[in-house]
Amino acid sequence: MPMTARADPLTGKGEEILKSMEKTYGPEKAKQVLYASENKGTISGIHDAVMAMADAVESLNRRIDAYCGRHADAMAEQPAQDIRADDHRVIGGVKLGK
């Protein structure tokens, strides 16, 4: 499957190869050649998968925080249910009251 770009950060080796290719091909063409070479199997070890995973987790955490922030006001506006000691209802598997 051909790719023209990857989100994974480059390793030191990847950065060095890219800089060398930029001198030869220019910035945009260098990226194309770099990724084509990786897809072909000519070069490997140019992406840092651990850093990519850390970036993905951080991005997901930001999205979760944003989602929770948007809904926090609506949750705060809902009144709490009054639970009396003689209330014997079961909500969500938890028996209320005694």
C-alpha atoms as a PDB file:
ATOM      1  CA  MET A   1       0.000   0.000   0.000  1.00  0.00           C
ATOM      2  CA  PRO A   2       1.764   3.208  -1.126  1.00  0.00           C
ATOM      3  CA  MET A   3       1.884   6.102   1.288  1.00  0.00           C
ATOM      4  CA  THR A   4       2.962   9.665   0.703  1.00  0.00           C
ATOM      5  CA  ALA A   5       3.219  10.694   4.356  1.00  0.00           C
ATOM      6  CA  ARG A   6       3.208   9.198   7.823  1.00  0.00           C
ATOM      7  CA  ALA A   7       2.280  10.694  11.135  1.00  0.00           C
ATOM      8  CA  ASP A   8       5.006   8.781  12.996  1.00  0.00           C
ATOM      9  CA  PRO A   9       7.912  10.970  14.105  1.00  0.00           C
ATOM     10  CA  LEU A  10      11.249  10.281  12.445  1.00  0.00           C
ATOM     11  CA  THR A  11      14.106   8.706  14.370  1.00  0.00           C
ATOM     12  CA  GLY A  12      17.571  10.294  14.303  1.00  0.00           C
ATOM     13  CA  LYS A  13      18.412   8.012  11.388  1.00  0.00           C
ATOM     14  CA  GLY A  14      15.254   9.117   9.558  1.00  0.00           C
ATOM     15  CA  GLU A  15      16.060  12.795  10.137  1.00  0.00           C
ATOM     16  CA  GLU A  16      19.582  12.349   8.759  1.00  0.00           C
ATOM     17  CA  ILE A  17      18.344  10.544   5.655  1.00  0.00           C
ATOM     18  CA  LEU A  18      15.652  13.166   5.073  1.00  0.00           C
ATOM     19  CA  LYS A  19      18.151  16.043   5.369  1.00  0.00           C
ATOM     20  CA  SER A  20      20.458  14.332   2.895  1.00  0.00           C
ATOM     21  CA  MET A  21      17.582  13.731   0.471  1.00  0.00           C
ATOM     22  CA  GLU A  22      16.419  17.362   0.823  1.00  0.00           C
ATOM     23  CA  LYS A  23      19.806  18.515  -0.452  1.00  0.00           C
ATOM     24  CA  THR A  24      19.422  16.255  -3.465  1.00  0.00           C
ATOM     25  CA  TYR A  25      15.693  16.439  -4.233  1.00  0.00           C
ATOM     26  CA  GLY A  26      14.333  19.496  -2.414  1.00  0.00           C
ATOM     27  CA  PRO A  27      12.015  19.403   0.627  1.00  0.00           C
ATOM     28  CA  GLU A  28       8.782  18.051  -0.901  1.00  0.00           C
ATOM     29  CA  LYS A  29      10.300  15.522  -3.296  1.00  0.00           C
ATOM     30  CA  ALA A  30      12.654  14.320  -0.512  1.00  0.00           C
ATOM     31  CA  LYS A  31       9.676  13.253   1.615  1.00  0.00           C
ATOM     32  CA  GLN A  32       8.162  11.379  -1.318  1.00  0.00           C
ATOM     33  CA  VAL A  33      11.447   9.585  -2.004  1.00  0.00           C
ATOM     34  CA  LEU A  34      11.947   8.803   1.695  1.00  0.00           C
ATOM     35  CA  TYR A  35       8.504   7.203   2.099  1.00  0.00           C
ATOM     36  CA  ALA A  36       8.737   5.417  -1.255  1.00  0.00           C
ATOM     37  CA  SER A  37      12.084   3.961  -0.190  1.00  0.00           C
ATOM     38  CA  GLU A  38      10.581   2.829   3.105  1.00  0.00           C
ATOM     39  CA  ASN A  39       7.563   1.257   1.390  1.00  0.00           C
ATOM     40  CA  LYS A  40       9.858  -0.561  -1.050  1.00  0.00           C
ATOM     41  CA  GLY A  41      11.963  -1.847   1.844  1.00  0.00           C
ATOM     42  CA  THR A  42      15.163  -0.078   0.778  1.00  0.00           C
ATOM     43  CA  ILE A  43      15.406   1.689   4.152  1.00  0.00           C
ATOM     44  CA  SER A  44      13.921   0.834   7.544  1.00  0.00           C
ATOM     45  CA  GLY A  45      13.987   2.077  11.122  1.00  0.00           C
ATOM     46  CA  ILE A  46      13.226   5.673  10.217  1.00  0.00           C
ATOM     47  CA  HIS A  47      10.078   6.049  12.339  1.00  0.00           C
ATOM     48  CA  ASP A  48       9.821   6.035  16.115  1.00  0.00           C
ATOM     49  CA  ALA A  49       6.773   3.881  16.865  1.00  0.00           C
ATOM     50  CA  VAL A  50       7.005   4.496  20.627  1.00  0.00           C
ATOM     51  CA  MET A  51       6.841   8.258  20.155  1.00  0.00           C
ATOM     52  CA  ALA A  52       3.990   7.825  17.679  1.00  0.00           C
ATOM     53  CA  MET A  53       2.034   5.844  20.262  1.00  0.00           C
ATOM     54  CA  ALA A  54       2.733   8.470  22.932  1.00  0.00           C
ATOM     55  CA  ASP A  55       1.521  11.183  20.541  1.00  0.00           C
ATOM     56  CA  ALA A  56      -1.633   9.182  19.806  1.00  0.00           C
ATOM     57  CA  VAL A  57      -2.370   8.727  23.519  1.00  0.00           C
ATOM     58  CA  GLU A  58      -1.819  12.425  24.172  1.00  0.00           C
ATOM     59  CA  SER A  59      -4.144  13.322  21.292  1.00  0.00           C
ATOM     60  CA  LEU A  60      -6.809  10.958  22.608  1.00  0.00           C
ATOM     61  CA  ASN A  61      -6.517  12.435  26.099  1.00  0.00           C
ATOM     62  CA  ARG A  62      -6.993  15.949  24.675  1.00  0.00           C
ATOM     63  CA  ARG A  63     -10.114  14.784  22.816  1.00  0.00           C
ATOM     64  CA  ILE A  64     -11.513  13.152  25.967  1.00  0.00           C
ATOM     65  CA  ASP A  65     -10.819  16.291  28.011  1.00  0.00           C
ATOM     66  CA  ALA A  66     -12.528  18.439  25.387  1.00  0.00           C
ATOM     67  CA  TYR A  67     -15.533  16.099  25.306  1.00  0.00           C
ATOM     68  CA  CYS A  68     -15.855  16.066  29.088  1.00  0.00           C
ATOM     69  CA  GLY A  69     -15.461  19.824  29.221  1.00  0.00           C
ATOM     70  CA  ARG A  70     -18.294  20.340  26.740  1.00  0.00           C
ATOM     71  CA  HIS A  71     -20.617  18.120  28.747  1.00  0.00           C
ATOM     72  CA  ALA A  72     -19.626  19.131  32.279  1.00  0.00           C
ATOM     73  CA  ASP A  73     -22.109  22.041  32.347  1.00  0.00           C
ATOM     74  CA  ALA A  74     -25.016  19.837  31.273  1.00  0.00           C
ATOM     75  CA  MET A  75     -24.117  17.273  33.908  1.00  0.00           C
ATOM     76  CA  ALA A  76     -23.890  19.940  36.609  1.00  0.00           C
ATOM     77  CA  GLU A  77     -27.345  21.285  35.716  1.00  0.00           C
ATOM     78  CA  GLN A  78     -29.057  17.945  36.359  1.00  0.00           C
ATOM     79  CA  PRO A  79     -30.410  17.805  39.905  1.00  0.00           C
ATOM     80  CA  ALA A  80     -29.246  14.946  42.081  1.00  0.00           C
ATOM     81  CA  GLN A  81     -31.854  12.334  42.856  1.00  0.00           C
ATOM     82  CA  ASP A  82     -33.204  12.451  46.380  1.00  0.00           C
ATOM     83  CA  ILE A  83     -32.697   9.031  47.957  1.00  0.00           C
ATOM     84  CA  ARG A  84     -34.618   8.260  51.117  1.00  0.00           C
ATOM     85  CA  ALA A  85     -33.793   5.506  53.598  1.00  0.00           C
ATOM     86  CA  ASP A  86     -37.051   3.715  52.764  1.00  0.00           C
ATOM     87  CA  ASP A  87     -36.356   3.771  49.024  1.00  0.00           C
ATOM     88  CA  HIS A  88     -35.975   0.176  47.804  1.00  0.00           C
ATOM     89  CA  ARG A  89     -35.447   0.779  44.083  1.00  0.00           C
ATOM     90  CA  VAL A  90     -32.533  -0.738  42.254  1.00  0.00           C
ATOM     91  CA  ILE A  91     -30.679   1.542  39.827  1.00  0.00           C
ATOM     92  CA  GLY A  92     -27.801   0.200  37.773  1.00  0.00           C
ATOM     93  CA  GLY A  93     -27.540  -2.930  39.888  1.00  0.00           C
ATOM     94  CA  VAL A  94     -27.227  -0.932  43.115  1.00  0.00           C
ATOM     95  CA  LYS A  95     -30.009  -1.116  45.667  1.00  0.00           C
ATOM     96  CA  LEU A  96     -30.899   2.270  47.094  1.00  0.00           C
ATOM     97  CA  GLY A  97     -31.828   2.859  50.702  1.00  0.00           C
ATOM     98  CA  LYS A  98     -31.614   0.082  53.339  1.00  0.00           C
END
